[in-house]
């Protein structure tokens, strides 16, 4: 399987933090190791 996900982000300085949180949740659900 190839898992894909996309998120529309606000055009504000806070976007990077929100993107990191969403990406972390997505990757943790796929049981990625912490280094990755």
ModelCIF file with pLDDT and N, C-alpha, C, O atoms, coordinates in Angstrom:
data_MODEL
#
_entry.id   MODEL 
#
_entity.id                         1 
_entity.type                       polymer 
_entity.pdbx_number_of_molecules   1 
#
_entity_poly.entity_id                      1 
_entity_poly.type                           'polypeptide(L)' 
_entity_poly.nstd_linkage                   no 
_entity_poly.nstd_monomer                   no 
_entity_poly.pdbx_seq_one_letter_code       
;(UNK)(UNK)(UNK)(UNK)(UNK)(UNK)(UNK)(UNK)(UNK)(UNK)(UNK)(UNK)(UNK)(UNK)(UNK)(UNK)
(UNK)(UNK)(UNK)(UNK)(UNK)(UNK)(UNK)(UNK)(UNK)(UNK)(UNK)(UNK)(UNK)(UNK)(UNK)(UNK)
(UNK)(UNK)(UNK)(UNK)
;
_entity_poly.pdbx_seq_one_letter_code_can   XXXXXXXXXXXXXXXXXXXXXXXXXXXXXXXXXXXX 
_entity_poly.pdbx_strand_id                 A 
#
loop_
_entity_poly_seq.entity_id 
_entity_poly_seq.num 
_entity_poly_seq.mon_id 
_entity_poly_seq.hetero 
1 1  UNK n 
1 2  UNK n 
1 3  UNK n 
1 4  UNK n 
1 5  UNK n 
1 6  UNK n 
1 7  UNK n 
1 8  UNK n 
1 9  UNK n 
1 10 UNK n 
1 11 UNK n 
1 12 UNK n 
1 13 UNK n 
1 14 UNK n 
1 15 UNK n 
1 16 UNK n 
1 17 UNK n 
1 18 UNK n 
1 19 UNK n 
1 20 UNK n 
1 21 UNK n 
1 22 UNK n 
1 23 UNK n 
1 24 UNK n 
1 25 UNK n 
1 26 UNK n 
1 27 UNK n 
1 28 UNK n 
1 29 UNK n 
1 30 UNK n 
1 31 UNK n 
1 32 UNK n 
1 33 UNK n 
1 34 UNK n 
1 35 UNK n 
1 36 UNK n 
#
_struct_asym.id          A 
_struct_asym.entity_id   1 
#
loop_
_ma_qa_metric.id 
_ma_qa_metric.mode 
_ma_qa_metric.name 
_ma_qa_metric.software_group_id 
_ma_qa_metric.type 
1 global pLDDT . pLDDT 
2 local  pLDDT . pLDDT 
#
_ma_qa_metric_global.metric_id      1 
_ma_qa_metric_global.metric_value   93.78 
_ma_qa_metric_global.model_id       1 
_ma_qa_metric_global.ordinal_id     1 
#
loop_
_ma_qa_metric_local.label_asym_id 
_ma_qa_metric_local.label_comp_id 
_ma_qa_metric_local.label_seq_id 
_ma_qa_metric_local.metric_id 
_ma_qa_metric_local.metric_value 
_ma_qa_metric_local.model_id 
_ma_qa_metric_local.ordinal_id 
A UNK 1  2 61.00 1 1  
A UNK 2  2 82.00 1 2  
A UNK 3  2 91.00 1 3  
A UNK 4  2 93.00 1 4  
A UNK 5  2 95.00 1 5  
A UNK 6  2 96.00 1 6  
A UNK 7  2 97.00 1 7  
A UNK 8  2 96.00 1 8  
A UNK 9  2 96.00 1 9  
A UNK 10 2 93.00 1 10 
A UNK 11 2 93.00 1 11 
A UNK 12 2 93.00 1 12 
A UNK 13 2 91.00 1 13 
A UNK 14 2 94.00 1 14 
A UNK 15 2 96.00 1 15 
A UNK 16 2 96.00 1 16 
A UNK 17 2 96.00 1 17 
A UNK 18 2 96.00 1 18 
A UNK 19 2 97.00 1 19 
A UNK 20 2 98.00 1 20 
A UNK 21 2 97.00 1 21 
A UNK 22 2 97.00 1 22 
A UNK 23 2 98.00 1 23 
A UNK 24 2 98.00 1 24 
A UNK 25 2 97.00 1 25 
A UNK 26 2 97.00 1 26 
A UNK 27 2 96.00 1 27 
A UNK 28 2 96.00 1 28 
A UNK 29 2 94.00 1 29 
A UNK 30 2 93.00 1 30 
A UNK 31 2 92.00 1 31 
A UNK 32 2 93.00 1 32 
A UNK 33 2 93.00 1 33 
A UNK 34 2 95.00 1 34 
A UNK 35 2 95.00 1 35 
A UNK 36 2 95.00 1 36 
#
loop_
_atom_site.group_PDB 
_atom_site.id 
_atom_site.type_symbol 
_atom_site.label_atom_id 
_atom_site.label_alt_id 
_atom_site.label_comp_id 
_atom_site.label_asym_id 
_atom_site.label_entity_id 
_atom_site.label_seq_id 
_atom_site.pdbx_PDB_ins_code 
_atom_site.Cartn_x 
_atom_site.Cartn_y 
_atom_site.Cartn_z 
_atom_site.occupancy 
_atom_site.B_iso_or_equiv 
_atom_site.pdbx_formal_charge 
_atom_site.auth_seq_id 
_atom_site.auth_comp_id 
_atom_site.auth_asym_id 
_atom_site.auth_atom_id 
_atom_site.pdbx_PDB_model_num 
ATOM 1   N N  . UNK A 1 1  ? 0.801  -1.230 0.000  1.00 61.00 ? 1  UNK A N  1 
ATOM 2   C CA . UNK A 1 1  ? 0.000  0.000  0.000  1.00 61.00 ? 1  UNK A CA 1 
ATOM 3   C C  . UNK A 1 1  ? 0.831  1.276  0.000  1.00 61.00 ? 1  UNK A C  1 
ATOM 4   O O  . UNK A 1 1  ? 1.923  1.336  0.567  1.00 61.00 ? 1  UNK A O  1 
ATOM 5   N N  . UNK A 1 2  ? 0.283  2.286  -0.650 1.00 82.00 ? 2  UNK A N  1 
ATOM 6   C CA . UNK A 1 2  ? 0.825  3.640  -0.605 1.00 82.00 ? 2  UNK A CA 1 
ATOM 7   C C  . UNK A 1 2  ? -0.246 4.489  0.075  1.00 82.00 ? 2  UNK A C  1 
ATOM 8   O O  . UNK A 1 2  ? -1.383 4.554  -0.390 1.00 82.00 ? 2  UNK A O  1 
ATOM 9   N N  . UNK A 1 3  ? 0.120  5.129  1.162  1.00 91.00 ? 3  UNK A N  1 
ATOM 10  C CA . UNK A 1 3  ? -0.821 5.970  1.893  1.00 91.00 ? 3  UNK A CA 1 
ATOM 11  C C  . UNK A 1 3  ? -0.577 7.414  1.491  1.00 91.00 ? 3  UNK A C  1 
ATOM 12  O O  . UNK A 1 3  ? 0.565  7.870  1.439  1.00 91.00 ? 3  UNK A O  1 
ATOM 13  N N  . UNK A 1 4  ? -1.666 8.135  1.206  1.00 93.00 ? 4  UNK A N  1 
ATOM 14  C CA . UNK A 1 4  ? -1.557 9.525  0.789  1.00 93.00 ? 4  UNK A CA 1 
ATOM 15  C C  . UNK A 1 4  ? -2.504 10.364 1.628  1.00 93.00 ? 4  UNK A C  1 
ATOM 16  O O  . UNK A 1 4  ? -3.586 9.931  2.025  1.00 93.00 ? 4  UNK A O  1 
ATOM 17  N N  . UNK A 1 5  ? -2.051 11.578 1.877  1.00 95.00 ? 5  UNK A N  1 
ATOM 18  C CA . UNK A 1 5  ? -2.894 12.512 2.632  1.00 95.00 ? 5  UNK A CA 1 
ATOM 19  C C  . UNK A 1 5  ? -2.523 13.922 2.222  1.00 95.00 ? 5  UNK A C  1 
ATOM 20  O O  . UNK A 1 5  ? -1.359 14.200 1.933  1.00 95.00 ? 5  UNK A O  1 
ATOM 21  N N  . UNK A 1 6  ? -3.505 14.820 2.192  1.00 96.00 ? 6  UNK A N  1 
ATOM 22  C CA . UNK A 1 6  ? -3.266 16.226 1.852  1.00 96.00 ? 6  UNK A CA 1 
ATOM 23  C C  . UNK A 1 6  ? -4.032 17.115 2.828  1.00 96.00 ? 6  UNK A C  1 
ATOM 24  O O  . UNK A 1 6  ? -5.136 16.785 3.261  1.00 96.00 ? 6  UNK A O  1 
ATOM 25  N N  . UNK A 1 7  ? -3.414 18.258 3.163  1.00 97.00 ? 7  UNK A N  1 
ATOM 26  C CA . UNK A 1 7  ? -4.031 19.223 4.065  1.00 97.00 ? 7  UNK A CA 1 
ATOM 27  C C  . UNK A 1 7  ? -3.890 20.623 3.486  1.00 97.00 ? 7  UNK A C  1 
ATOM 28  O O  . UNK A 1 7  ? -2.796 21.027 3.094  1.00 97.00 ? 7  UNK A O  1 
ATOM 29  N N  . UNK A 1 8  ? -4.978 21.354 3.432  1.00 96.00 ? 8  UNK A N  1 
ATOM 30  C CA . UNK A 1 8  ? -4.958 22.765 3.075  1.00 96.00 ? 8  UNK A CA 1 
ATOM 31  C C  . UNK A 1 8  ? -4.524 23.531 4.318  1.00 96.00 ? 8  UNK A C  1 
ATOM 32  O O  . UNK A 1 8  ? -5.076 23.336 5.401  1.00 96.00 ? 8  UNK A O  1 
ATOM 33  N N  . UNK A 1 9  ? -3.525 24.408 4.156  1.00 96.00 ? 9  UNK A N  1 
ATOM 34  C CA . UNK A 1 9  ? -2.973 25.138 5.298  1.00 96.00 ? 9  UNK A CA 1 
ATOM 35  C C  . UNK A 1 9  ? -3.257 26.629 5.188  1.00 96.00 ? 9  UNK A C  1 
ATOM 36  O O  . UNK A 1 9  ? -3.324 27.183 4.090  1.00 96.00 ? 9  UNK A O  1 
ATOM 37  N N  . UNK A 1 10 ? -3.419 27.262 6.328  1.00 93.00 ? 10 UNK A N  1 
ATOM 38  C CA . UNK A 1 10 ? -3.578 28.712 6.349  1.00 93.00 ? 10 UNK A CA 1 
ATOM 39  C C  . UNK A 1 10 ? -2.254 29.363 5.950  1.00 93.00 ? 10 UNK A C  1 
ATOM 40  O O  . UNK A 1 10 ? -1.185 28.800 6.189  1.00 93.00 ? 10 UNK A O  1 
ATOM 41  N N  . UNK A 1 11 ? -2.325 30.521 5.356  1.00 93.00 ? 11 UNK A N  1 
ATOM 42  C CA . UNK A 1 11 ? -1.125 31.245 4.921  1.00 93.00 ? 11 UNK A CA 1 
ATOM 43  C C  . UNK A 1 11 ? -0.694 32.180 6.045  1.00 93.00 ? 11 UNK A C  1 
ATOM 44  O O  . UNK A 1 11 ? -0.767 33.402 5.921  1.00 93.00 ? 11 UNK A O  1 
ATOM 45  N N  . UNK A 1 12 ? -0.246 31.580 7.140  1.00 93.00 ? 12 UNK A N  1 
ATOM 46  C CA . UNK A 1 12 ? 0.145  32.320 8.339  1.00 93.00 ? 12 UNK A CA 1 
ATOM 47  C C  . UNK A 1 12 ? 1.353  31.632 8.961  1.00 93.00 ? 12 UNK A C  1 
ATOM 48  O O  . UNK A 1 12 ? 1.606  30.463 8.670  1.00 93.00 ? 12 UNK A O  1 
ATOM 49  N N  . UNK A 1 13 ? 2.099  32.322 9.803  1.00 91.00 ? 13 UNK A N  1 
ATOM 50  C CA . UNK A 1 13 ? 3.269  31.713 10.438 1.00 91.00 ? 13 UNK A CA 1 
ATOM 51  C C  . UNK A 1 13 ? 2.957  30.424 11.200 1.00 91.00 ? 13 UNK A C  1 
ATOM 52  O O  . UNK A 1 13 ? 3.831  29.566 11.330 1.00 91.00 ? 13 UNK A O  1 
ATOM 53  N N  . UNK A 1 14 ? 1.740  30.271 11.701 1.00 94.00 ? 14 UNK A N  1 
ATOM 54  C CA . UNK A 1 14 ? 1.360  29.085 12.469 1.00 94.00 ? 14 UNK A CA 1 
ATOM 55  C C  . UNK A 1 14 ? 1.205  27.839 11.603 1.00 94.00 ? 14 UNK A C  1 
ATOM 56  O O  . UNK A 1 14 ? 1.066  26.737 12.134 1.00 94.00 ? 14 UNK A O  1 
ATOM 57  N N  . UNK A 1 15 ? 1.226  27.992 10.288 1.00 96.00 ? 15 UNK A N  1 
ATOM 58  C CA . UNK A 1 15 ? 0.984  26.871 9.374  1.00 96.00 ? 15 UNK A CA 1 
ATOM 59  C C  . UNK A 1 15 ? 2.006  25.748 9.562  1.00 96.00 ? 15 UNK A C  1 
ATOM 60  O O  . UNK A 1 15 ? 1.639  24.574 9.508  1.00 96.00 ? 15 UNK A O  1 
ATOM 61  N N  . UNK A 1 16 ? 3.265  26.082 9.778  1.00 96.00 ? 16 UNK A N  1 
ATOM 62  C CA . UNK A 1 16 ? 4.293  25.047 9.913  1.00 96.00 ? 16 UNK A CA 1 
ATOM 63  C C  . UNK A 1 16 ? 4.040  24.173 11.139 1.00 96.00 ? 16 UNK A C  1 
ATOM 64  O O  . UNK A 1 16 ? 4.187  22.953 11.065 1.00 96.00 ? 16 UNK A O  1 
ATOM 65  N N  . UNK A 1 17 ? 3.666  24.771 12.247 1.00 96.00 ? 17 UNK A N  1 
ATOM 66  C CA . UNK A 1 17 ? 3.370  23.997 13.453 1.00 96.00 ? 17 UNK A CA 1 
ATOM 67  C C  . UNK A 1 17 ? 2.179  23.084 13.265 1.00 96.00 ? 17 UNK A C  1 
ATOM 68  O O  . UNK A 1 17 ? 2.216  21.922 13.668 1.00 96.00 ? 17 UNK A O  1 
ATOM 69  N N  . UNK A 1 18 ? 1.125  23.595 12.659 1.00 96.00 ? 18 UNK A N  1 
ATOM 70  C CA . UNK A 1 18 ? -0.058 22.779 12.383 1.00 96.00 ? 18 UNK A CA 1 
ATOM 71  C C  . UNK A 1 18 ? 0.299  21.639 11.427 1.00 96.00 ? 18 UNK A C  1 
ATOM 72  O O  . UNK A 1 18 ? -0.135 20.505 11.628 1.00 96.00 ? 18 UNK A O  1 
ATOM 73  N N  . UNK A 1 19 ? 1.077  21.931 10.399 1.00 97.00 ? 19 UNK A N  1 
ATOM 74  C CA . UNK A 1 19 ? 1.488  20.905 9.437  1.00 97.00 ? 19 UNK A CA 1 
ATOM 75  C C  . UNK A 1 19 ? 2.293  19.804 10.125 1.00 97.00 ? 19 UNK A C  1 
ATOM 76  O O  . UNK A 1 19 ? 2.091  18.625 9.834  1.00 97.00 ? 19 UNK A O  1 
ATOM 77  N N  . UNK A 1 20 ? 3.195  20.165 11.027 1.00 98.00 ? 20 UNK A N  1 
ATOM 78  C CA . UNK A 1 20 ? 3.980  19.169 11.751 1.00 98.00 ? 20 UNK A CA 1 
ATOM 79  C C  . UNK A 1 20 ? 3.078  18.275 12.611 1.00 98.00 ? 20 UNK A C  1 
ATOM 80  O O  . UNK A 1 20 ? 3.264  17.058 12.644 1.00 98.00 ? 20 UNK A O  1 
ATOM 81  N N  . UNK A 1 21 ? 2.123  18.862 13.291 1.00 97.00 ? 21 UNK A N  1 
ATOM 82  C CA . UNK A 1 21 ? 1.219  18.065 14.138 1.00 97.00 ? 21 UNK A CA 1 
ATOM 83  C C  . UNK A 1 21 ? 0.405  17.087 13.305 1.00 97.00 ? 21 UNK A C  1 
ATOM 84  O O  . UNK A 1 21 ? 0.259  15.922 13.676 1.00 97.00 ? 21 UNK A O  1 
ATOM 85  N N  . UNK A 1 22 ? -0.119 17.550 12.193 1.00 97.00 ? 22 UNK A N  1 
ATOM 86  C CA . UNK A 1 22 ? -0.913 16.663 11.334 1.00 97.00 ? 22 UNK A CA 1 
ATOM 87  C C  . UNK A 1 22 ? -0.055 15.556 10.723 1.00 97.00 ? 22 UNK A C  1 
ATOM 88  O O  . UNK A 1 22 ? -0.475 14.401 10.657 1.00 97.00 ? 22 UNK A O  1 
ATOM 89  N N  . UNK A 1 23 ? 1.148  15.916 10.277 1.00 98.00 ? 23 UNK A N  1 
ATOM 90  C CA . UNK A 1 23 ? 2.049  14.921 9.697  1.00 98.00 ? 23 UNK A CA 1 
ATOM 91  C C  . UNK A 1 23 ? 2.449  13.882 10.749 1.00 98.00 ? 23 UNK A C  1 
ATOM 92  O O  . UNK A 1 23 ? 2.475  12.687 10.457 1.00 98.00 ? 23 UNK A O  1 
ATOM 93  N N  . UNK A 1 24 ? 2.758  14.326 11.960 1.00 98.00 ? 24 UNK A N  1 
ATOM 94  C CA . UNK A 1 24 ? 3.138  13.393 13.027 1.00 98.00 ? 24 UNK A CA 1 
ATOM 95  C C  . UNK A 1 24 ? 2.028  12.375 13.277 1.00 98.00 ? 24 UNK A C  1 
ATOM 96  O O  . UNK A 1 24 ? 2.294  11.174 13.343 1.00 98.00 ? 24 UNK A O  1 
ATOM 97  N N  . UNK A 1 25 ? 0.802  12.838 13.415 1.00 97.00 ? 25 UNK A N  1 
ATOM 98  C CA . UNK A 1 25 ? -0.320 11.931 13.658 1.00 97.00 ? 25 UNK A CA 1 
ATOM 99  C C  . UNK A 1 25 ? -0.468 10.929 12.519 1.00 97.00 ? 25 UNK A C  1 
ATOM 100 O O  . UNK A 1 25 ? -0.648 9.735  12.759 1.00 97.00 ? 25 UNK A O  1 
ATOM 101 N N  . UNK A 1 26 ? -0.393 11.408 11.289 1.00 97.00 ? 26 UNK A N  1 
ATOM 102 C CA . UNK A 1 26 ? -0.501 10.554 10.109 1.00 97.00 ? 26 UNK A CA 1 
ATOM 103 C C  . UNK A 1 26 ? 0.584  9.473  10.111 1.00 97.00 ? 26 UNK A C  1 
ATOM 104 O O  . UNK A 1 26 ? 0.294  8.305  9.851  1.00 97.00 ? 26 UNK A O  1 
ATOM 105 N N  . UNK A 1 27 ? 1.824  9.853  10.401 1.00 96.00 ? 27 UNK A N  1 
ATOM 106 C CA . UNK A 1 27 ? 2.935  8.906  10.376 1.00 96.00 ? 27 UNK A CA 1 
ATOM 107 C C  . UNK A 1 27 ? 2.896  7.946  11.563 1.00 96.00 ? 27 UNK A C  1 
ATOM 108 O O  . UNK A 1 27 ? 3.215  6.767  11.408 1.00 96.00 ? 27 UNK A O  1 
ATOM 109 N N  . UNK A 1 28 ? 2.515  8.426  12.734 1.00 96.00 ? 28 UNK A N  1 
ATOM 110 C CA . UNK A 1 28 ? 2.410  7.548  13.900 1.00 96.00 ? 28 UNK A CA 1 
ATOM 111 C C  . UNK A 1 28 ? 1.352  6.476  13.676 1.00 96.00 ? 28 UNK A C  1 
ATOM 112 O O  . UNK A 1 28 ? 1.524  5.335  14.105 1.00 96.00 ? 28 UNK A O  1 
ATOM 113 N N  . UNK A 1 29 ? 0.270  6.831  13.014 1.00 94.00 ? 29 UNK A N  1 
ATOM 114 C CA . UNK A 1 29 ? -0.785 5.844  12.716 1.00 94.00 ? 29 UNK A CA 1 
ATOM 115 C C  . UNK A 1 29 ? -0.299 4.764  11.750 1.00 94.00 ? 29 UNK A C  1 
ATOM 116 O O  . UNK A 1 29 ? -0.879 3.680  11.674 1.00 94.00 ? 29 UNK A O  1 
ATOM 117 N N  . UNK A 1 30 ? 0.761  5.069  11.022 1.00 93.00 ? 30 UNK A N  1 
ATOM 118 C CA . UNK A 1 30 ? 1.355  4.092  10.111 1.00 93.00 ? 30 UNK A CA 1 
ATOM 119 C C  . UNK A 1 30 ? 2.558  3.417  10.738 1.00 93.00 ? 30 UNK A C  1 
ATOM 120 O O  . UNK A 1 30 ? 3.322  2.736  10.054 1.00 93.00 ? 30 UNK A O  1 
ATOM 121 N N  . UNK A 1 31 ? 2.727  3.605  12.030 1.00 92.00 ? 31 UNK A N  1 
ATOM 122 C CA . UNK A 1 31 ? 3.765  2.968  12.837 1.00 92.00 ? 31 UNK A CA 1 
ATOM 123 C C  . UNK A 1 31 ? 5.183  3.230  12.309 1.00 92.00 ? 31 UNK A C  1 
ATOM 124 O O  . UNK A 1 31 ? 6.026  2.334  12.277 1.00 92.00 ? 31 UNK A O  1 
ATOM 125 N N  . UNK A 1 32 ? 5.419  4.474  11.898 1.00 93.00 ? 32 UNK A N  1 
ATOM 126 C CA . UNK A 1 32 ? 6.757  4.875  11.469 1.00 93.00 ? 32 UNK A CA 1 
ATOM 127 C C  . UNK A 1 32 ? 7.653  5.008  12.699 1.00 93.00 ? 32 UNK A C  1 
ATOM 128 O O  . UNK A 1 32 ? 7.187  5.360  13.782 1.00 93.00 ? 32 UNK A O  1 
ATOM 129 N N  . UNK A 1 33 ? 8.929  4.725  12.523 1.00 93.00 ? 33 UNK A N  1 
ATOM 130 C CA . UNK A 1 33 ? 9.867  4.867  13.632 1.00 93.00 ? 33 UNK A CA 1 
ATOM 131 C C  . UNK A 1 33 ? 10.133 6.355  13.885 1.00 93.00 ? 33 UNK A C  1 
ATOM 132 O O  . UNK A 1 33 ? 9.930  7.194  13.007 1.00 93.00 ? 33 UNK A O  1 
ATOM 133 N N  . UNK A 1 34 ? 10.588 6.659  15.091 1.00 95.00 ? 34 UNK A N  1 
ATOM 134 C CA . UNK A 1 34 ? 10.766 8.061  15.501 1.00 95.00 ? 34 UNK A CA 1 
ATOM 135 C C  . UNK A 1 34 ? 11.817 8.782  14.664 1.00 95.00 ? 34 UNK A C  1 
ATOM 136 O O  . UNK A 1 34 ? 11.662 9.969  14.379 1.00 95.00 ? 34 UNK A O  1 
ATOM 137 N N  . UNK A 1 35 ? 12.874 8.098  14.268 1.00 95.00 ? 35 UNK A N  1 
ATOM 138 C CA . UNK A 1 35 ? 13.908 8.718  13.439 1.00 95.00 ? 35 UNK A CA 1 
ATOM 139 C C  . UNK A 1 35 ? 13.325 9.189  12.101 1.00 95.00 ? 35 UNK A C  1 
ATOM 140 O O  . UNK A 1 35 ? 13.614 10.296 11.646 1.00 95.00 ? 35 UNK A O  1 
ATOM 141 N N  . UNK A 1 36 ? 12.512 8.348  11.486 1.00 95.00 ? 36 UNK A N  1 
ATOM 142 C CA . UNK A 1 36 ? 11.870 8.712  10.217 1.00 95.00 ? 36 UNK A CA 1 
ATOM 143 C C  . UNK A 1 36 ? 10.903 9.867  10.424 1.00 95.00 ? 36 UNK A C  1 
ATOM 144 O O  . UNK A 1 36 ? 10.266 10.317 9.471  1.00 95.00 ? 36 UNK A O  1 
#
